[in-house]
Amino acid sequence: MKLLQGWTLFEKVWLTAFSSIQFILFFWWQQTAIDLICALANMLCVVLVAKGRMENFFFGMVATSLYAYISFNNHIYGEAMLSGLFYFPMQFIGLYFWIKNRNKQTDISSDIQVKKLTAKGWMLMLAVVLSCSFGYAEILAHLNAQQVRLDSFTVVICIVAQILMTLRYSEQWYLWISSNILGIIIWAVAGNYAMLMMTCASLFNSLYGAYHWQKQVSLTQQTSSS
């Protein structure tokens, strides 16, 4: 199967284990089919992003649309707007940019060329995250949303991370890790265990993605200098 070409044994075992857990929880907690499909699509999307594979965007289209629906039903409006109004259209934009910057080096497994932020880029990123998070919290408060501060920080962090992912910067993973930790708190409080398990798996994948993309950066730098 072409989708699984180039996967390590660890990646295949992890994907199988997570999928099995999701099916068990689906029947144990009597979750909806939408919860299950969203969790599985999100899992595949994040793993494929970590591997730098363009197929991630197709699973991302499914996961983001369903996640927006689930978040809206749980009155977590920040997450709903993030997925429906930003994540979903960004799948098409991201696919365009990744195709445009396809990796031409055959000795690197990633489909795209990975980059790193400069010190100035780091400062700009942190300033945007902090200022926008406080501003967005005020908007959510007027909408009578739940968990306003956590929701606001999670939304802004994810927006910046998605932009960095589209532009192929490895630092995206530090933001994804942060948003996953906040997301775990949000869904634990909301009591949606399918989404909680999905977010826990996303945290694991983000840690793996940070490792894998940093390795790709090192390989790219070595190839460029040789």
N, C-alpha and C. Protein backbone atom coordinates (compact mmCIF):
# COMPACT_ATOMS: atom_id res chain seq x y z
N MET A 1 0.85 -1.20 0.00
CA MET A 1 0.00 0.00 0.00
C MET A 1 0.88 1.24 0.00
N LYS A 2 0.68 2.14 -0.98
CA LYS A 2 1.56 3.30 -1.15
C LYS A 2 1.56 4.22 0.06
N LEU A 3 0.41 4.34 0.73
CA LEU A 3 0.31 5.24 1.88
C LEU A 3 1.26 4.86 2.99
N LEU A 4 1.52 3.57 3.16
CA LEU A 4 2.37 3.07 4.25
C LEU A 4 3.81 2.84 3.82
N GLN A 5 4.16 3.20 2.59
CA GLN A 5 5.54 3.03 2.12
C GLN A 5 6.47 3.96 2.89
N GLY A 6 7.61 3.41 3.33
CA GLY A 6 8.60 4.22 4.05
C GLY A 6 8.32 4.34 5.54
N TRP A 7 7.29 3.67 6.05
CA TRP A 7 6.98 3.71 7.47
C TRP A 7 7.89 2.74 8.23
N THR A 8 8.33 3.14 9.40
CA THR A 8 9.12 2.26 10.25
C THR A 8 8.19 1.30 10.98
N LEU A 9 8.75 0.24 11.55
CA LEU A 9 7.96 -0.70 12.33
C LEU A 9 7.30 0.00 13.51
N PHE A 10 8.05 0.92 14.15
CA PHE A 10 7.51 1.68 15.29
C PHE A 10 6.26 2.46 14.88
N GLU A 11 6.31 3.12 13.72
CA GLU A 11 5.19 3.93 13.26
C GLU A 11 3.97 3.07 12.96
N LYS A 12 4.18 1.90 12.37
CA LYS A 12 3.07 1.00 12.05
C LYS A 12 2.43 0.45 13.33
N VAL A 13 3.29 0.08 14.30
CA VAL A 13 2.79 -0.45 15.57
C VAL A 13 2.00 0.62 16.31
N TRP A 14 2.53 1.86 16.32
CA TRP A 14 1.86 2.95 17.02
C TRP A 14 0.50 3.25 16.39
N LEU A 15 0.44 3.28 15.07
CA LEU A 15 -0.81 3.56 14.37
C LEU A 15 -1.84 2.46 14.65
N THR A 16 -1.39 1.21 14.62
CA THR A 16 -2.29 0.08 14.88
C THR A 16 -2.80 0.11 16.32
N ALA A 17 -1.89 0.39 17.26
CA ALA A 17 -2.26 0.42 18.68
C ALA A 17 -3.28 1.52 18.96
N PHE A 18 -3.03 2.72 18.42
CA PHE A 18 -3.95 3.83 18.67
C PHE A 18 -5.31 3.56 18.05
N SER A 19 -5.31 3.02 16.84
CA SER A 19 -6.59 2.72 16.17
C SER A 19 -7.39 1.70 16.97
N SER A 20 -6.70 0.70 17.50
CA SER A 20 -7.37 -0.32 18.30
C SER A 20 -7.96 0.28 19.57
N ILE A 21 -7.21 1.16 20.22
CA ILE A 21 -7.69 1.82 21.44
C ILE A 21 -8.94 2.65 21.13
N GLN A 22 -8.92 3.36 20.01
CA GLN A 22 -10.07 4.18 19.63
C GLN A 22 -11.33 3.33 19.41
N PHE A 23 -11.16 2.17 18.79
CA PHE A 23 -12.31 1.29 18.57
C PHE A 23 -12.84 0.74 19.89
N ILE A 24 -11.93 0.40 20.81
CA ILE A 24 -12.35 -0.10 22.12
C ILE A 24 -13.12 0.97 22.88
N LEU A 25 -12.58 2.20 22.89
CA LEU A 25 -13.24 3.29 23.59
C LEU A 25 -14.57 3.67 22.94
N PHE A 26 -14.64 3.49 21.64
CA PHE A 26 -15.87 3.80 20.91
C PHE A 26 -17.04 2.97 21.46
N PHE A 27 -16.79 1.67 21.68
CA PHE A 27 -17.83 0.81 22.20
C PHE A 27 -17.98 0.94 23.72
N TRP A 28 -16.86 1.14 24.42
CA TRP A 28 -16.90 1.21 25.88
C TRP A 28 -17.66 2.44 26.37
N TRP A 29 -17.35 3.60 25.76
CA TRP A 29 -17.98 4.85 26.18
C TRP A 29 -19.20 5.21 25.32
N GLN A 30 -19.53 4.34 24.35
CA GLN A 30 -20.68 4.56 23.48
C GLN A 30 -20.61 5.94 22.81
N GLN A 31 -19.45 6.20 22.23
CA GLN A 31 -19.26 7.45 21.52
C GLN A 31 -19.94 7.38 20.15
N THR A 32 -20.06 8.52 19.50
CA THR A 32 -20.70 8.55 18.19
C THR A 32 -19.69 8.14 17.10
N ALA A 33 -20.23 7.76 15.95
CA ALA A 33 -19.37 7.41 14.82
C ALA A 33 -18.55 8.61 14.37
N ILE A 34 -19.10 9.80 14.54
CA ILE A 34 -18.39 11.03 14.16
C ILE A 34 -17.14 11.19 15.01
N ASP A 35 -17.25 10.92 16.32
CA ASP A 35 -16.08 10.99 17.20
C ASP A 35 -14.99 10.04 16.74
N LEU A 36 -15.39 8.81 16.39
CA LEU A 36 -14.43 7.79 15.97
C LEU A 36 -13.74 8.18 14.67
N ILE A 37 -14.50 8.57 13.66
CA ILE A 37 -13.93 8.94 12.37
C ILE A 37 -13.00 10.13 12.51
N CYS A 38 -13.42 11.12 13.31
CA CYS A 38 -12.60 12.31 13.54
C CYS A 38 -11.27 11.94 14.17
N ALA A 39 -11.31 11.07 15.19
CA ALA A 39 -10.09 10.67 15.89
C ALA A 39 -9.14 9.91 14.98
N LEU A 40 -9.67 8.99 14.18
CA LEU A 40 -8.82 8.20 13.29
C LEU A 40 -8.23 9.06 12.17
N ALA A 41 -9.05 9.95 11.60
CA ALA A 41 -8.55 10.83 10.54
C ALA A 41 -7.49 11.78 11.08
N ASN A 42 -7.72 12.31 12.28
CA ASN A 42 -6.74 13.20 12.89
C ASN A 42 -5.43 12.49 13.16
N MET A 43 -5.52 11.25 13.62
CA MET A 43 -4.33 10.45 13.89
C MET A 43 -3.48 10.28 12.63
N LEU A 44 -4.13 9.88 11.54
CA LEU A 44 -3.41 9.70 10.29
C LEU A 44 -2.83 11.02 9.78
N CYS A 45 -3.59 12.09 9.92
CA CYS A 45 -3.14 13.40 9.47
C CYS A 45 -1.86 13.82 10.20
N VAL A 46 -1.87 13.73 11.53
CA VAL A 46 -0.72 14.19 12.32
C VAL A 46 0.51 13.32 12.07
N VAL A 47 0.32 12.00 11.96
CA VAL A 47 1.45 11.11 11.69
C VAL A 47 2.07 11.43 10.34
N LEU A 48 1.23 11.69 9.35
CA LEU A 48 1.73 11.99 8.01
C LEU A 48 2.41 13.36 7.95
N VAL A 49 1.93 14.33 8.76
CA VAL A 49 2.63 15.61 8.86
C VAL A 49 4.01 15.39 9.45
N ALA A 50 4.07 14.58 10.51
CA ALA A 50 5.35 14.30 11.16
C ALA A 50 6.35 13.68 10.18
N LYS A 51 5.83 12.89 9.25
CA LYS A 51 6.68 12.25 8.25
C LYS A 51 6.91 13.15 7.04
N GLY A 52 6.26 14.33 7.02
CA GLY A 52 6.42 15.23 5.88
C GLY A 52 5.76 14.72 4.62
N ARG A 53 4.65 13.99 4.77
CA ARG A 53 3.95 13.41 3.63
C ARG A 53 2.74 14.26 3.25
N MET A 54 2.56 14.50 1.97
CA MET A 54 1.51 15.39 1.50
C MET A 54 0.10 14.81 1.68
N GLU A 55 0.01 13.49 1.83
CA GLU A 55 -1.31 12.88 2.01
C GLU A 55 -2.01 13.37 3.27
N ASN A 56 -1.25 13.98 4.18
CA ASN A 56 -1.82 14.45 5.45
C ASN A 56 -2.99 15.40 5.23
N PHE A 57 -2.94 16.19 4.16
CA PHE A 57 -3.97 17.21 3.95
C PHE A 57 -5.34 16.60 3.64
N PHE A 58 -5.37 15.45 3.01
CA PHE A 58 -6.65 14.83 2.68
C PHE A 58 -7.34 14.31 3.94
N PHE A 59 -6.57 13.72 4.84
CA PHE A 59 -7.13 13.30 6.12
C PHE A 59 -7.45 14.51 6.98
N GLY A 60 -6.66 15.58 6.82
CA GLY A 60 -6.91 16.81 7.57
C GLY A 60 -8.24 17.44 7.21
N MET A 61 -8.64 17.33 5.94
CA MET A 61 -9.93 17.89 5.52
C MET A 61 -11.08 17.21 6.25
N VAL A 62 -10.97 15.89 6.41
CA VAL A 62 -12.00 15.13 7.12
C VAL A 62 -11.99 15.47 8.61
N ALA A 63 -10.80 15.42 9.21
CA ALA A 63 -10.68 15.62 10.66
C ALA A 63 -11.11 17.02 11.09
N THR A 64 -10.71 18.05 10.35
CA THR A 64 -11.01 19.42 10.77
C THR A 64 -12.50 19.74 10.66
N SER A 65 -13.16 19.23 9.62
CA SER A 65 -14.60 19.50 9.47
C SER A 65 -15.40 18.81 10.59
N LEU A 66 -15.03 17.57 10.92
CA LEU A 66 -15.75 16.85 11.98
C LEU A 66 -15.44 17.43 13.36
N TYR A 67 -14.20 17.84 13.57
CA TYR A 67 -13.81 18.41 14.86
C TYR A 67 -14.56 19.73 15.12
N ALA A 68 -14.78 20.50 14.08
CA ALA A 68 -15.53 21.74 14.22
C ALA A 68 -16.96 21.44 14.67
N TYR A 69 -17.55 20.42 14.09
CA TYR A 69 -18.92 20.01 14.46
C TYR A 69 -18.98 19.55 15.92
N ILE A 70 -18.01 18.73 16.33
CA ILE A 70 -17.98 18.21 17.70
C ILE A 70 -17.78 19.34 18.70
N SER A 71 -16.85 20.24 18.41
CA SER A 71 -16.56 21.36 19.32
C SER A 71 -17.78 22.27 19.46
N PHE A 72 -18.47 22.51 18.37
CA PHE A 72 -19.65 23.38 18.41
C PHE A 72 -20.73 22.76 19.30
N ASN A 73 -20.91 21.46 19.19
CA ASN A 73 -21.92 20.77 20.00
C ASN A 73 -21.57 20.77 21.49
N ASN A 74 -20.25 20.91 21.78
CA ASN A 74 -19.81 20.96 23.18
C ASN A 74 -19.68 22.40 23.68
N HIS A 75 -20.13 23.37 22.88
CA HIS A 75 -20.09 24.80 23.22
C HIS A 75 -18.67 25.33 23.43
N ILE A 76 -17.70 24.69 22.78
CA ILE A 76 -16.32 25.16 22.81
C ILE A 76 -16.12 25.90 21.49
N TYR A 77 -16.61 27.13 21.44
CA TYR A 77 -16.74 27.87 20.20
C TYR A 77 -15.39 28.27 19.59
N GLY A 78 -14.40 28.50 20.45
CA GLY A 78 -13.09 28.85 19.92
C GLY A 78 -12.51 27.73 19.08
N GLU A 79 -12.60 26.50 19.60
CA GLU A 79 -12.11 25.34 18.86
C GLU A 79 -12.94 25.12 17.59
N ALA A 80 -14.26 25.34 17.69
CA ALA A 80 -15.14 25.15 16.53
C ALA A 80 -14.78 26.12 15.40
N MET A 81 -14.61 27.39 15.76
CA MET A 81 -14.25 28.40 14.75
C MET A 81 -12.86 28.15 14.19
N LEU A 82 -11.95 27.71 15.04
CA LEU A 82 -10.59 27.42 14.59
C LEU A 82 -10.60 26.34 13.52
N SER A 83 -11.33 25.26 13.77
CA SER A 83 -11.34 24.14 12.83
C SER A 83 -12.13 24.45 11.56
N GLY A 84 -13.33 25.02 11.74
CA GLY A 84 -14.18 25.25 10.58
C GLY A 84 -13.76 26.41 9.69
N LEU A 85 -13.31 27.50 10.32
CA LEU A 85 -13.01 28.71 9.56
C LEU A 85 -11.53 28.88 9.22
N PHE A 86 -10.67 28.12 9.90
CA PHE A 86 -9.23 28.27 9.63
C PHE A 86 -8.58 26.96 9.20
N TYR A 87 -8.65 25.92 10.05
CA TYR A 87 -8.00 24.66 9.73
C TYR A 87 -8.46 24.07 8.40
N PHE A 88 -9.79 24.04 8.20
CA PHE A 88 -10.30 23.39 7.00
C PHE A 88 -9.81 24.06 5.71
N PRO A 89 -9.97 25.39 5.55
CA PRO A 89 -9.44 26.00 4.32
C PRO A 89 -7.92 25.94 4.22
N MET A 90 -7.23 25.89 5.40
CA MET A 90 -5.77 25.82 5.37
C MET A 90 -5.26 24.50 4.82
N GLN A 91 -6.09 23.46 4.82
CA GLN A 91 -5.67 22.19 4.23
C GLN A 91 -5.39 22.36 2.73
N PHE A 92 -6.22 23.14 2.07
CA PHE A 92 -6.05 23.37 0.63
C PHE A 92 -4.85 24.29 0.37
N ILE A 93 -4.71 25.32 1.21
CA ILE A 93 -3.58 26.24 1.07
C ILE A 93 -2.26 25.52 1.35
N GLY A 94 -2.27 24.71 2.42
CA GLY A 94 -1.06 23.96 2.78
C GLY A 94 -0.65 22.99 1.69
N LEU A 95 -1.62 22.31 1.10
CA LEU A 95 -1.33 21.36 0.02
C LEU A 95 -0.68 22.08 -1.16
N TYR A 96 -1.18 23.27 -1.48
CA TYR A 96 -0.61 24.05 -2.58
C TYR A 96 0.86 24.41 -2.30
N PHE A 97 1.14 24.91 -1.09
CA PHE A 97 2.50 25.32 -0.75
C PHE A 97 3.45 24.13 -0.69
N TRP A 98 2.97 23.00 -0.20
CA TRP A 98 3.84 21.82 -0.12
C TRP A 98 4.16 21.27 -1.51
N ILE A 99 3.16 21.28 -2.38
CA ILE A 99 3.42 20.83 -3.76
C ILE A 99 4.42 21.76 -4.44
N LYS A 100 4.25 23.06 -4.17
CA LYS A 100 5.14 24.06 -4.77
C LYS A 100 6.57 23.90 -4.28
N ASN A 101 6.75 23.41 -3.05
CA ASN A 101 8.09 23.26 -2.46
C ASN A 101 8.43 21.79 -2.24
N ARG A 102 8.05 20.97 -3.19
CA ARG A 102 8.31 19.53 -3.10
C ARG A 102 9.82 19.27 -3.02
N ASN A 103 10.19 18.30 -2.20
CA ASN A 103 11.60 17.96 -2.00
C ASN A 103 12.15 17.27 -3.24
N LYS A 104 13.25 17.77 -3.77
CA LYS A 104 13.86 17.19 -4.96
C LYS A 104 15.02 16.27 -4.62
N GLN A 105 15.36 16.17 -3.32
CA GLN A 105 16.47 15.32 -2.89
C GLN A 105 15.95 13.91 -2.62
N THR A 106 16.46 12.95 -3.36
CA THR A 106 15.96 11.58 -3.25
C THR A 106 16.45 10.86 -1.99
N ASP A 107 17.47 11.39 -1.31
CA ASP A 107 18.01 10.71 -0.13
C ASP A 107 17.33 11.16 1.16
N ILE A 108 16.30 12.02 1.06
CA ILE A 108 15.57 12.49 2.23
C ILE A 108 14.12 12.01 2.10
N SER A 109 13.61 11.33 3.16
CA SER A 109 12.31 10.68 3.08
C SER A 109 11.13 11.65 3.03
N SER A 110 11.29 12.86 3.56
CA SER A 110 10.20 13.82 3.60
C SER A 110 9.85 14.31 2.20
N ASP A 111 8.55 14.57 1.97
CA ASP A 111 8.10 15.08 0.66
C ASP A 111 8.50 16.53 0.43
N ILE A 112 8.78 17.26 1.52
CA ILE A 112 9.04 18.70 1.38
C ILE A 112 10.36 19.10 2.06
N GLN A 113 10.84 20.28 1.70
CA GLN A 113 12.08 20.83 2.27
C GLN A 113 11.75 21.55 3.58
N VAL A 114 12.40 21.13 4.66
CA VAL A 114 12.11 21.65 5.99
C VAL A 114 13.04 22.83 6.32
N LYS A 115 12.48 23.85 7.03
CA LYS A 115 13.24 25.05 7.38
C LYS A 115 13.24 25.28 8.90
N LYS A 116 14.08 26.22 9.36
CA LYS A 116 14.12 26.61 10.76
C LYS A 116 13.95 28.12 10.90
N LEU A 117 13.33 28.55 12.00
CA LEU A 117 13.16 29.97 12.27
C LEU A 117 14.47 30.60 12.74
N THR A 118 14.64 31.88 12.43
CA THR A 118 15.75 32.64 12.96
C THR A 118 15.39 33.15 14.35
N ALA A 119 16.34 33.75 15.06
CA ALA A 119 16.07 34.32 16.38
C ALA A 119 15.00 35.41 16.28
N LYS A 120 15.05 36.21 15.23
CA LYS A 120 14.05 37.25 15.00
C LYS A 120 12.68 36.63 14.76
N GLY A 121 12.66 35.52 14.06
CA GLY A 121 11.41 34.82 13.80
C GLY A 121 10.78 34.29 15.08
N TRP A 122 11.62 33.79 15.98
CA TRP A 122 11.14 33.31 17.28
C TRP A 122 10.49 34.45 18.08
N MET A 123 11.15 35.60 18.11
CA MET A 123 10.63 36.74 18.87
C MET A 123 9.29 37.20 18.31
N LEU A 124 9.18 37.26 16.99
CA LEU A 124 7.93 37.68 16.35
C LEU A 124 6.82 36.68 16.65
N MET A 125 7.14 35.40 16.58
CA MET A 125 6.15 34.37 16.83
C MET A 125 5.60 34.46 18.26
N LEU A 126 6.47 34.61 19.25
CA LEU A 126 6.03 34.69 20.64
C LEU A 126 5.20 35.94 20.90
N ALA A 127 5.59 37.05 20.28
CA ALA A 127 4.83 38.30 20.45
C ALA A 127 3.42 38.17 19.88
N VAL A 128 3.30 37.55 18.73
CA VAL A 128 1.99 37.36 18.10
C VAL A 128 1.11 36.45 18.95
N VAL A 129 1.68 35.36 19.46
CA VAL A 129 0.91 34.41 20.26
C VAL A 129 0.36 35.08 21.52
N LEU A 130 1.19 35.82 22.24
CA LEU A 130 0.76 36.43 23.50
C LEU A 130 -0.28 37.53 23.28
N SER A 131 -0.02 38.43 22.34
CA SER A 131 -0.93 39.55 22.12
C SER A 131 -2.28 39.09 21.57
N CYS A 132 -2.27 38.18 20.63
CA CYS A 132 -3.52 37.71 20.03
C CYS A 132 -4.33 36.85 21.00
N SER A 133 -3.66 36.11 21.87
CA SER A 133 -4.36 35.25 22.82
C SER A 133 -5.22 36.07 23.78
N PHE A 134 -4.66 37.15 24.31
CA PHE A 134 -5.41 37.99 25.23
C PHE A 134 -6.57 38.70 24.52
N GLY A 135 -6.34 39.13 23.29
CA GLY A 135 -7.40 39.79 22.54
C GLY A 135 -8.54 38.86 22.19
N TYR A 136 -8.21 37.64 21.78
CA TYR A 136 -9.23 36.67 21.39
C TYR A 136 -10.05 36.21 22.60
N ALA A 137 -9.41 36.18 23.78
CA ALA A 137 -10.13 35.80 25.00
C ALA A 137 -11.29 36.74 25.28
N GLU A 138 -11.10 38.01 24.97
CA GLU A 138 -12.17 38.99 25.18
C GLU A 138 -13.35 38.72 24.24
N ILE A 139 -13.05 38.32 23.02
CA ILE A 139 -14.11 38.00 22.06
C ILE A 139 -14.90 36.78 22.54
N LEU A 140 -14.20 35.74 22.99
CA LEU A 140 -14.87 34.53 23.45
C LEU A 140 -15.71 34.80 24.70
N ALA A 141 -15.25 35.70 25.55
CA ALA A 141 -16.00 36.04 26.77
C ALA A 141 -17.36 36.64 26.41
N HIS A 142 -17.40 37.45 25.36
CA HIS A 142 -18.66 38.06 24.92
C HIS A 142 -19.61 37.03 24.32
N LEU A 143 -19.04 35.89 23.87
CA LEU A 143 -19.87 34.84 23.28
C LEU A 143 -20.34 33.83 24.33
N ASN A 144 -19.97 34.10 25.60
CA ASN A 144 -20.32 33.20 26.70
C ASN A 144 -19.78 31.78 26.48
N ALA A 145 -18.57 31.71 25.92
CA ALA A 145 -17.94 30.41 25.66
C ALA A 145 -17.43 29.79 26.96
N GLN A 146 -17.14 28.49 26.90
CA GLN A 146 -16.60 27.79 28.04
C GLN A 146 -15.07 27.85 28.02
N GLN A 147 -14.43 27.86 29.21
CA GLN A 147 -12.97 27.78 29.34
C GLN A 147 -12.28 28.81 28.43
N VAL A 148 -12.65 30.06 28.62
CA VAL A 148 -12.25 31.14 27.71
C VAL A 148 -10.74 31.28 27.57
N ARG A 149 -10.02 31.35 28.69
CA ARG A 149 -8.57 31.58 28.61
C ARG A 149 -7.84 30.42 27.95
N LEU A 150 -8.18 29.21 28.38
CA LEU A 150 -7.54 28.03 27.78
C LEU A 150 -7.88 27.93 26.30
N ASP A 151 -9.14 28.12 25.99
CA ASP A 151 -9.61 28.04 24.60
C ASP A 151 -8.90 29.07 23.73
N SER A 152 -8.75 30.29 24.26
CA SER A 152 -8.12 31.37 23.49
C SER A 152 -6.66 31.06 23.18
N PHE A 153 -5.91 30.67 24.21
CA PHE A 153 -4.50 30.36 23.99
C PHE A 153 -4.34 29.19 23.02
N THR A 154 -5.20 28.18 23.17
CA THR A 154 -5.11 27.02 22.29
C THR A 154 -5.37 27.41 20.84
N VAL A 155 -6.38 28.23 20.62
CA VAL A 155 -6.74 28.65 19.26
C VAL A 155 -5.59 29.43 18.61
N VAL A 156 -5.06 30.42 19.30
CA VAL A 156 -3.99 31.26 18.73
C VAL A 156 -2.73 30.44 18.47
N ILE A 157 -2.37 29.59 19.43
CA ILE A 157 -1.18 28.75 19.26
C ILE A 157 -1.34 27.86 18.03
N CYS A 158 -2.54 27.29 17.87
CA CYS A 158 -2.78 26.40 16.73
C CYS A 158 -2.75 27.14 15.40
N ILE A 159 -3.27 28.37 15.38
CA ILE A 159 -3.24 29.16 14.15
C ILE A 159 -1.80 29.43 13.72
N VAL A 160 -0.98 29.86 14.66
CA VAL A 160 0.43 30.14 14.35
C VAL A 160 1.15 28.86 13.94
N ALA A 161 0.85 27.77 14.64
CA ALA A 161 1.48 26.49 14.32
C ALA A 161 1.10 26.02 12.92
N GLN A 162 -0.17 26.21 12.54
CA GLN A 162 -0.62 25.81 11.21
C GLN A 162 0.06 26.63 10.13
N ILE A 163 0.25 27.91 10.38
CA ILE A 163 0.96 28.77 9.42
C ILE A 163 2.41 28.32 9.27
N LEU A 164 3.05 28.01 10.40
CA LEU A 164 4.44 27.53 10.36
C LEU A 164 4.52 26.19 9.63
N MET A 165 3.51 25.33 9.83
CA MET A 165 3.49 24.04 9.15
C MET A 165 3.36 24.23 7.64
N THR A 166 2.47 25.15 7.25
CA THR A 166 2.28 25.43 5.83
C THR A 166 3.56 25.95 5.19
N LEU A 167 4.30 26.76 5.95
CA LEU A 167 5.56 27.33 5.44
C LEU A 167 6.76 26.43 5.70
N ARG A 168 6.50 25.24 6.29
CA ARG A 168 7.51 24.19 6.45
C ARG A 168 8.57 24.47 7.52
N TYR A 169 8.20 25.18 8.58
CA TYR A 169 9.14 25.45 9.67
C TYR A 169 9.02 24.37 10.75
N SER A 170 10.14 23.83 11.17
CA SER A 170 10.14 22.75 12.16
C SER A 170 9.67 23.21 13.54
N GLU A 171 9.75 24.51 13.82
CA GLU A 171 9.35 25.02 15.13
C GLU A 171 7.85 24.91 15.38
N GLN A 172 7.09 24.59 14.34
CA GLN A 172 5.66 24.36 14.50
C GLN A 172 5.38 23.35 15.61
N TRP A 173 6.27 22.36 15.75
CA TRP A 173 6.01 21.27 16.67
C TRP A 173 6.01 21.69 18.12
N TYR A 174 6.79 22.71 18.48
CA TYR A 174 6.77 23.20 19.86
C TYR A 174 5.41 23.82 20.19
N LEU A 175 4.81 24.46 19.21
CA LEU A 175 3.48 25.03 19.41
C LEU A 175 2.41 23.94 19.45
N TRP A 176 2.56 22.93 18.60
CA TRP A 176 1.59 21.83 18.63
C TRP A 176 1.64 21.11 19.97
N ILE A 177 2.83 20.92 20.51
CA ILE A 177 2.96 20.28 21.82
C ILE A 177 2.24 21.10 22.88
N SER A 178 2.43 22.42 22.84
CA SER A 178 1.77 23.30 23.81
C SER A 178 0.25 23.23 23.66
N SER A 179 -0.23 23.28 22.41
CA SER A 179 -1.69 23.25 22.19
C SER A 179 -2.29 21.92 22.59
N ASN A 180 -1.55 20.83 22.39
CA ASN A 180 -2.04 19.51 22.79
C ASN A 180 -2.21 19.41 24.30
N ILE A 181 -1.26 19.98 25.04
CA ILE A 181 -1.35 19.96 26.50
C ILE A 181 -2.58 20.75 26.96
N LEU A 182 -2.79 21.91 26.36
CA LEU A 182 -3.98 22.71 26.69
C LEU A 182 -5.26 21.99 26.26
N GLY A 183 -5.20 21.33 25.11
CA GLY A 183 -6.36 20.59 24.62
C GLY A 183 -6.74 19.43 25.54
N ILE A 184 -5.76 18.78 26.10
CA ILE A 184 -6.02 17.69 27.04
C ILE A 184 -6.81 18.21 28.24
N ILE A 185 -6.42 19.39 28.73
CA ILE A 185 -7.13 19.99 29.86
C ILE A 185 -8.57 20.34 29.47
N ILE A 186 -8.73 20.94 28.28
CA ILE A 186 -10.06 21.35 27.81
C ILE A 186 -11.02 20.16 27.72
N TRP A 187 -10.57 19.07 27.06
CA TRP A 187 -11.48 17.94 26.85
C TRP A 187 -11.67 17.12 28.11
N ALA A 188 -10.70 17.15 29.02
CA ALA A 188 -10.88 16.47 30.31
C ALA A 188 -11.99 17.16 31.10
N VAL A 189 -11.97 18.49 31.10
CA VAL A 189 -13.02 19.25 31.79
C VAL A 189 -14.37 19.06 31.11
N ALA A 190 -14.37 19.03 29.75
CA ALA A 190 -15.61 18.86 29.00
C ALA A 190 -16.18 17.45 29.14
N GLY A 191 -15.32 16.48 29.49
CA GLY A 191 -15.79 15.11 29.68
C GLY A 191 -15.97 14.32 28.40
N ASN A 192 -15.36 14.77 27.29
CA ASN A 192 -15.43 14.03 26.03
C ASN A 192 -14.16 13.18 25.92
N TYR A 193 -14.28 11.89 26.25
CA TYR A 193 -13.10 11.04 26.38
C TYR A 193 -12.52 10.61 25.04
N ALA A 194 -13.35 10.56 24.01
CA ALA A 194 -12.83 10.24 22.68
C ALA A 194 -11.90 11.35 22.21
N MET A 195 -12.33 12.62 22.39
CA MET A 195 -11.49 13.75 22.01
C MET A 195 -10.27 13.87 22.92
N LEU A 196 -10.43 13.49 24.19
CA LEU A 196 -9.30 13.49 25.12
C LEU A 196 -8.23 12.50 24.67
N MET A 197 -8.66 11.30 24.30
CA MET A 197 -7.71 10.29 23.83
C MET A 197 -7.06 10.73 22.53
N MET A 198 -7.85 11.34 21.63
CA MET A 198 -7.29 11.83 20.37
C MET A 198 -6.21 12.88 20.63
N THR A 199 -6.46 13.78 21.59
CA THR A 199 -5.50 14.84 21.88
C THR A 199 -4.24 14.29 22.54
N CYS A 200 -4.41 13.27 23.39
CA CYS A 200 -3.24 12.61 23.99
C CYS A 200 -2.37 11.97 22.92
N ALA A 201 -3.01 11.33 21.95
CA ALA A 201 -2.27 10.72 20.84
C ALA A 201 -1.59 11.80 20.00
N SER A 202 -2.27 12.93 19.82
CA SER A 202 -1.68 14.04 19.06
C SER A 202 -0.44 14.58 19.76
N LEU A 203 -0.47 14.62 21.10
CA LEU A 203 0.70 15.07 21.85
C LEU A 203 1.88 14.14 21.60
N PHE A 204 1.63 12.85 21.64
CA PHE A 204 2.69 11.87 21.35
C PHE A 204 3.23 12.08 19.94
N ASN A 205 2.32 12.25 18.98
CA ASN A 205 2.74 12.46 17.59
C ASN A 205 3.52 13.76 17.42
N SER A 206 3.14 14.79 18.17
CA SER A 206 3.85 16.06 18.08
C SER A 206 5.28 15.93 18.58
N LEU A 207 5.46 15.16 19.63
CA LEU A 207 6.81 14.90 20.14
C LEU A 207 7.63 14.15 19.09
N TYR A 208 7.00 13.17 18.46
CA TYR A 208 7.68 12.41 17.42
C TYR A 208 7.95 13.30 16.20
N GLY A 209 6.99 14.16 15.86
CA GLY A 209 7.16 15.07 14.73
C GLY A 209 8.31 16.03 14.94
N ALA A 210 8.45 16.54 16.18
CA ALA A 210 9.56 17.45 16.50
C ALA A 210 10.89 16.76 16.28
N TYR A 211 10.96 15.51 16.71
CA TYR A 211 12.20 14.72 16.52
C TYR A 211 12.46 14.47 15.04
N HIS A 212 11.43 14.04 14.32
CA HIS A 212 11.60 13.68 12.91
C HIS A 212 11.95 14.89 12.05
N TRP A 213 11.28 16.02 12.28
CA TRP A 213 11.57 17.21 11.47
C TRP A 213 12.94 17.80 11.80
N GLN A 214 13.35 17.71 13.05
CA GLN A 214 14.69 18.19 13.40
C GLN A 214 15.74 17.34 12.69
N LYS A 215 15.48 16.05 12.59
CA LYS A 215 16.39 15.17 11.86
C LYS A 215 16.43 15.53 10.39
N GLN A 216 15.27 15.89 9.82
CA GLN A 216 15.22 16.30 8.42
C GLN A 216 15.99 17.60 8.19
N VAL A 217 15.89 18.53 9.15
CA VAL A 217 16.64 19.77 9.06
C VAL A 217 18.15 19.49 9.04
N SER A 218 18.59 18.61 9.91
CA SER A 218 20.01 18.25 9.98
C SER A 218 20.48 17.60 8.68
N LEU A 219 19.65 16.70 8.12
CA LEU A 219 20.01 16.05 6.86
C LEU A 219 20.09 17.05 5.72
N THR A 220 19.14 18.00 5.69
CA THR A 220 19.12 19.02 4.65
C THR A 220 20.36 19.90 4.74
N GLN A 221 20.74 20.29 5.96
CA GLN A 221 21.91 21.14 6.17
C GLN A 221 23.18 20.40 5.76
N GLN A 222 23.26 19.11 6.10
CA GLN A 222 24.44 18.31 5.74
C GLN A 222 24.57 18.19 4.23
N THR A 223 23.41 17.96 3.57
CA THR A 223 23.42 17.82 2.11
C THR A 223 23.81 19.12 1.42
N SER A 224 23.32 20.24 2.00
CA SER A 224 23.60 21.56 1.40
C SER A 224 25.08 21.93 1.55
N SER A 225 25.69 21.54 2.67
CA SER A 225 27.08 21.91 2.94
C SER A 225 28.08 20.98 2.25
N SER A 226 27.61 19.81 1.80
CA SER A 226 28.53 18.86 1.17
C SER A 226 28.68 19.12 -0.33
